C-alpha atoms as a PDB file:
ATOM      1  CA  MET A   1      66.057   5.927 191.294  1.00  0.00           C
ATOM      2  CA  SER A   2      68.412   3.888 189.161  1.00  0.00           C
ATOM      3  CA  ARG A   3      65.857   1.077 189.183  1.00  0.00           C
ATOM      4  CA  GLN A   4      63.088   3.349 187.973  1.00  0.00           C
ATOM      5  CA  GLY A   5      62.173   2.426 184.412  1.00  0.00           C
ATOM      6  CA  SER A   6      62.513   5.372 182.064  1.00  0.00           C
ATOM      7  CA  ARG A   7      61.757   3.848 178.703  1.00  0.00           C
ATOM      8  CA  ASP A   8      59.235   1.377 177.325  1.00  0.00           C
ATOM      9  CA  THR A   9      56.781   2.122 180.118  1.00  0.00           C
ATOM     10  CA  ALA A  10      53.291   0.597 179.958  1.00  0.00           C
ATOM     11  CA  PRO A  11      51.698   3.882 178.820  1.00  0.00           C
ATOM     12  CA  GLU A  12      54.353   4.315 176.066  1.00  0.00           C
ATOM     13  CA  ILE A  13      53.870   0.767 174.791  1.00  0.00           C
ATOM     14  CA  ALA A  14      50.085   1.115 174.773  1.00  0.00           C
ATOM     15  CA  VAL A  15      50.249   4.355 172.758  1.00  0.00           C
ATOM     16  CA  ARG A  16      52.880   2.934 170.383  1.00  0.00           C
ATOM     17  CA  ARG A  17      50.741  -0.133 169.684  1.00  0.00           C
ATOM     18  CA  LEU A  18      47.760   2.020 168.815  1.00  0.00           C
ATOM     19  CA  LEU A  19      49.851   4.280 166.560  1.00  0.00           C
ATOM     20  CA  HIS A  20      51.405   1.316 164.781  1.00  0.00           C
ATOM     21  CA  ALA A  21      48.002  -0.344 164.321  1.00  0.00           C
ATOM     22  CA  SER A  22      46.733   2.845 162.695  1.00  0.00           C
ATOM     23  CA  GLY A  23      49.549   2.662 160.132  1.00  0.00           C
ATOM     24  CA  LEU A  24      51.899   5.301 161.545  1.00  0.00           C
ATOM     25  CA  ARG A  25      55.615   4.539 161.715  1.00  0.00           C
ATOM     26  CA  TYR A  26      57.896   6.238 164.173  1.00  0.00           C
ATOM     27  CA  ARG A  27      61.179   6.044 166.065  1.00  0.00           C
ATOM     28  CA  VAL A  28      61.519   5.591 169.825  1.00  0.00           C
ATOM     29  CA  ASN A  29      63.944   7.008 172.407  1.00  0.00           C
ATOM     30  CA  VAL A  30      65.670   9.325 169.960  1.00  0.00           C
ATOM     31  CA  PRO A  31      68.243  11.755 171.315  1.00  0.00           C
ATOM     32  CA  VAL A  32      67.115  15.394 171.354  1.00  0.00           C
ATOM     33  CA  PRO A  33      69.131  17.154 168.661  1.00  0.00           C
ATOM     34  CA  GLY A  34      71.709  19.449 170.285  1.00  0.00           C
ATOM     35  CA  MET A  35      70.983  18.387 173.890  1.00  0.00           C
ATOM     36  CA  ALA A  36      73.033  15.768 175.685  1.00  0.00           C
ATOM     37  CA  ARG A  37      71.425  13.035 177.782  1.00  0.00           C
ATOM     38  CA  ARG A  38      67.850  13.798 176.706  1.00  0.00           C
ATOM     39  CA  THR A  39      65.609  11.610 174.587  1.00  0.00           C
ATOM     40  CA  ILE A  40      62.247  11.930 172.898  1.00  0.00           C
ATOM     41  CA  ASP A  41      59.862   9.058 173.686  1.00  0.00           C
ATOM     42  CA  ILE A  42      58.220   8.812 170.254  1.00  0.00           C
ATOM     43  CA  VAL A  43      59.461  10.668 167.162  1.00  0.00           C
ATOM     44  CA  PHE A  44      58.078  11.242 163.698  1.00  0.00           C
ATOM     45  CA  PRO A  45      61.262  12.599 162.057  1.00  0.00           C
ATOM     46  CA  SER A  46      59.872  13.415 158.628  1.00  0.00           C
ATOM     47  CA  THR A  47      57.166  15.672 160.063  1.00  0.00           C
ATOM     48  CA  LYS A  48      59.267  16.845 163.058  1.00  0.00           C
ATOM     49  CA  VAL A  49      56.712  15.773 165.667  1.00  0.00           C
ATOM     50  CA  ALA A  50      58.068  14.860 169.109  1.00  0.00           C
ATOM     51  CA  ILE A  51      55.940  13.025 171.678  1.00  0.00           C
ATOM     52  CA  PHE A  52      56.697  12.854 175.404  1.00  0.00           C
ATOM     53  CA  LEU A  53      54.749  10.635 177.818  1.00  0.00           C
ATOM     54  CA  ASP A  54      55.548  12.035 181.250  1.00  0.00           C
ATOM     55  CA  GLY A  55      55.169  10.194 184.553  1.00  0.00           C
ATOM     56  CA  CYS A  56      52.923  11.965 187.054  1.00  0.00           C
ATOM     57  CA  PHE A  57      55.371  11.805 189.968  1.00  0.00           C
ATOM     58  CA  TRP A  58      58.589  12.539 188.113  1.00  0.00           C
ATOM     59  CA  HIS A  59      57.284  15.405 185.979  1.00  0.00           C
ATOM     60  CA  GLY A  60      54.911  17.129 188.396  1.00  0.00           C
ATOM     61  CA  CYS A  61      51.419  16.317 187.174  1.00  0.00           C
ATOM     62  CA  PRO A  62      49.025  18.934 188.577  1.00  0.00           C
ATOM     63  CA  GLN A  63      46.433  16.238 189.304  1.00  0.00           C
ATOM     64  CA  HIS A  64      48.487  13.340 190.641  1.00  0.00           C
ATOM     65  CA  ALA A  65      51.922  14.542 191.762  1.00  0.00           C
ATOM     66  CA  THR A  66      52.725  13.796 195.385  1.00  0.00           C
ATOM     67  CA  GLN A  67      55.269  15.363 197.677  1.00  0.00           C
ATOM     68  CA  PRO A  68      57.458  12.892 199.573  1.00  0.00           C
ATOM     69  CA  LYS A  69      57.642  13.650 203.266  1.00  0.00           C
ATOM     70  CA  ALA A  70      61.075  12.036 203.860  1.00  0.00           C
ATOM     71  CA  ASN A  71      63.876  14.238 202.585  1.00  0.00           C
ATOM     72  CA  ALA A  72      61.264  16.675 201.255  1.00  0.00           C
ATOM     73  CA  GLU A  73      63.630  19.520 200.356  1.00  0.00           C
ATOM     74  CA  TRP A  74      65.865  17.290 198.250  1.00  0.00           C
ATOM     75  CA  TRP A  75      62.862  15.828 196.418  1.00  0.00           C
ATOM     76  CA  ARG A  76      61.307  19.241 195.801  1.00  0.00           C
ATOM     77  CA  THR A  77      64.577  20.442 194.231  1.00  0.00           C
ATOM     78  CA  LYS A  78      64.858  17.233 192.142  1.00  0.00           C
ATOM     79  CA  LEU A  79      61.301  17.427 190.840  1.00  0.00           C
ATOM     80  CA  ASP A  80      61.537  21.153 190.144  1.00  0.00           C
ATOM     81  CA  LYS A  81      64.682  20.473 188.046  1.00  0.00           C
ATOM     82  CA  ASN A  82      62.820  17.792 186.118  1.00  0.00           C
ATOM     83  CA  MET A  83      59.999  20.210 185.285  1.00  0.00           C
ATOM     84  CA  SER A  84      62.480  22.939 184.366  1.00  0.00           C
ATOM     85  CA  ARG A  85      64.363  20.523 182.094  1.00  0.00           C
ATOM     86  CA  ASP A  86      61.086  19.495 180.428  1.00  0.00           C
ATOM     87  CA  ALA A  87      60.250  23.111 179.638  1.00  0.00           C
ATOM     88  CA  GLU A  88      63.785  23.759 178.350  1.00  0.00           C
ATOM     89  CA  THR A  89      63.636  20.696 176.098  1.00  0.00           C
ATOM     90  CA  THR A  90      60.249  21.735 174.715  1.00  0.00           C
ATOM     91  CA  ARG A  91      61.481  25.273 173.976  1.00  0.00           C
ATOM     92  CA  HIS A  92      64.653  23.942 172.335  1.00  0.00           C
ATOM     93  CA  LEU A  93      62.715  21.607 170.023  1.00  0.00           C
ATOM     94  CA  GLN A  94      60.114  24.262 169.162  1.00  0.00           C
ATOM     95  CA  ASP A  95      62.886  26.724 168.311  1.00  0.00           C
ATOM     96  CA  GLN A  96      64.165  24.140 165.824  1.00  0.00           C
ATOM     97  CA  GLY A  97      60.766  23.856 164.169  1.00  0.00           C
ATOM     98  CA  TRP A  98      59.440  20.758 165.954  1.00  0.00           C
ATOM     99  CA  MET A  99      55.853  20.244 167.096  1.00  0.00           C
ATOM    100  CA  VAL A 100      56.111  19.001 170.705  1.00  0.00           C
ATOM    101  CA  LEU A 101      53.242  17.144 172.337  1.00  0.00           C
ATOM    102  CA  ARG A 102      53.390  16.183 176.030  1.00  0.00           C
ATOM    103  CA  PHE A 103      51.001  13.810 177.684  1.00  0.00           C
ATOM    104  CA  TRP A 104      50.647  12.468 181.241  1.00  0.00           C
ATOM    105  CA  GLU A 105      50.919   8.762 181.984  1.00  0.00           C
ATOM    106  CA  HIS A 106      47.347   8.710 183.323  1.00  0.00           C
ATOM    107  CA  GLU A 107      45.817   9.894 180.040  1.00  0.00           C
ATOM    108  CA  ALA A 108      43.898   7.244 178.095  1.00  0.00           C
ATOM    109  CA  PRO A 109      46.182   5.703 175.419  1.00  0.00           C
ATOM    110  CA  GLU A 110      43.362   5.906 172.862  1.00  0.00           C
ATOM    111  CA  ASP A 111      42.992   9.667 173.438  1.00  0.00           C
ATOM    112  CA  VAL A 112      46.752  10.209 173.209  1.00  0.00           C
ATOM    113  CA  ALA A 113      47.034   8.115 170.041  1.00  0.00           C
ATOM    114  CA  ASN A 114      44.131  10.009 168.420  1.00  0.00           C
ATOM    115  CA  THR A 115      45.712  13.375 169.239  1.00  0.00           C
ATOM    116  CA  VAL A 116      49.118  12.250 167.969  1.00  0.00           C
ATOM    117  CA  ARG A 117      47.646  10.795 164.799  1.00  0.00           C
ATOM    118  CA  ALA A 118      45.828  14.052 164.030  1.00  0.00           C
ATOM    119  CA  ALA A 119      48.990  16.098 164.703  1.00  0.00           C
ATOM    120  CA  VAL A 120      51.158  13.907 162.490  1.00  0.00           C
ATOM    121  CA  LEU A 121      48.648  13.938 159.643  1.00  0.00           C
ATOM    122  CA  SER A 122      48.312  17.727 159.852  1.00  0.00           C
ATOM    123  CA  ALA A 123      52.100  18.155 159.844  1.00  0.00           C
ATOM    124  CA  ARG A 124      52.570  16.094 156.657  1.00  0.00           C
ATOM    125  CA  PRO A 125      53.295  18.122 153.565  1.00  0.00           C
ATOM    126  CA  ARG A 126      50.384  18.382 151.216  1.00  0.00           C
ATOM    127  CA  GLY A 127      50.964  17.647 147.638  1.00  0.00           C
END
């Protein structure tokens, strides 16, 4: 697992390129405020929008998650903890006034970028 890439994945880079090309500026891999060892994939700090791009296997995608046969109990516990931690992180950020958007790695980058763009624009103060 230590060799498993956790940042700058192909889906993240594709979405970030589209967001940047549309004129949006953001931060990447920002620590979750008040939670140790957790990061937000893409952050729009001024509008408090947090974007997570979750891997299907590691985060339990209902469409694509697989269950390893070798050491199945250990893996089930590990993956359940990942999903629980995701939910806890989402609740924590929402309680602090953040808009949290989660996407699966298999979602089309164009669709993700369009959704994120709309959310960021709607979260901007009007004036």
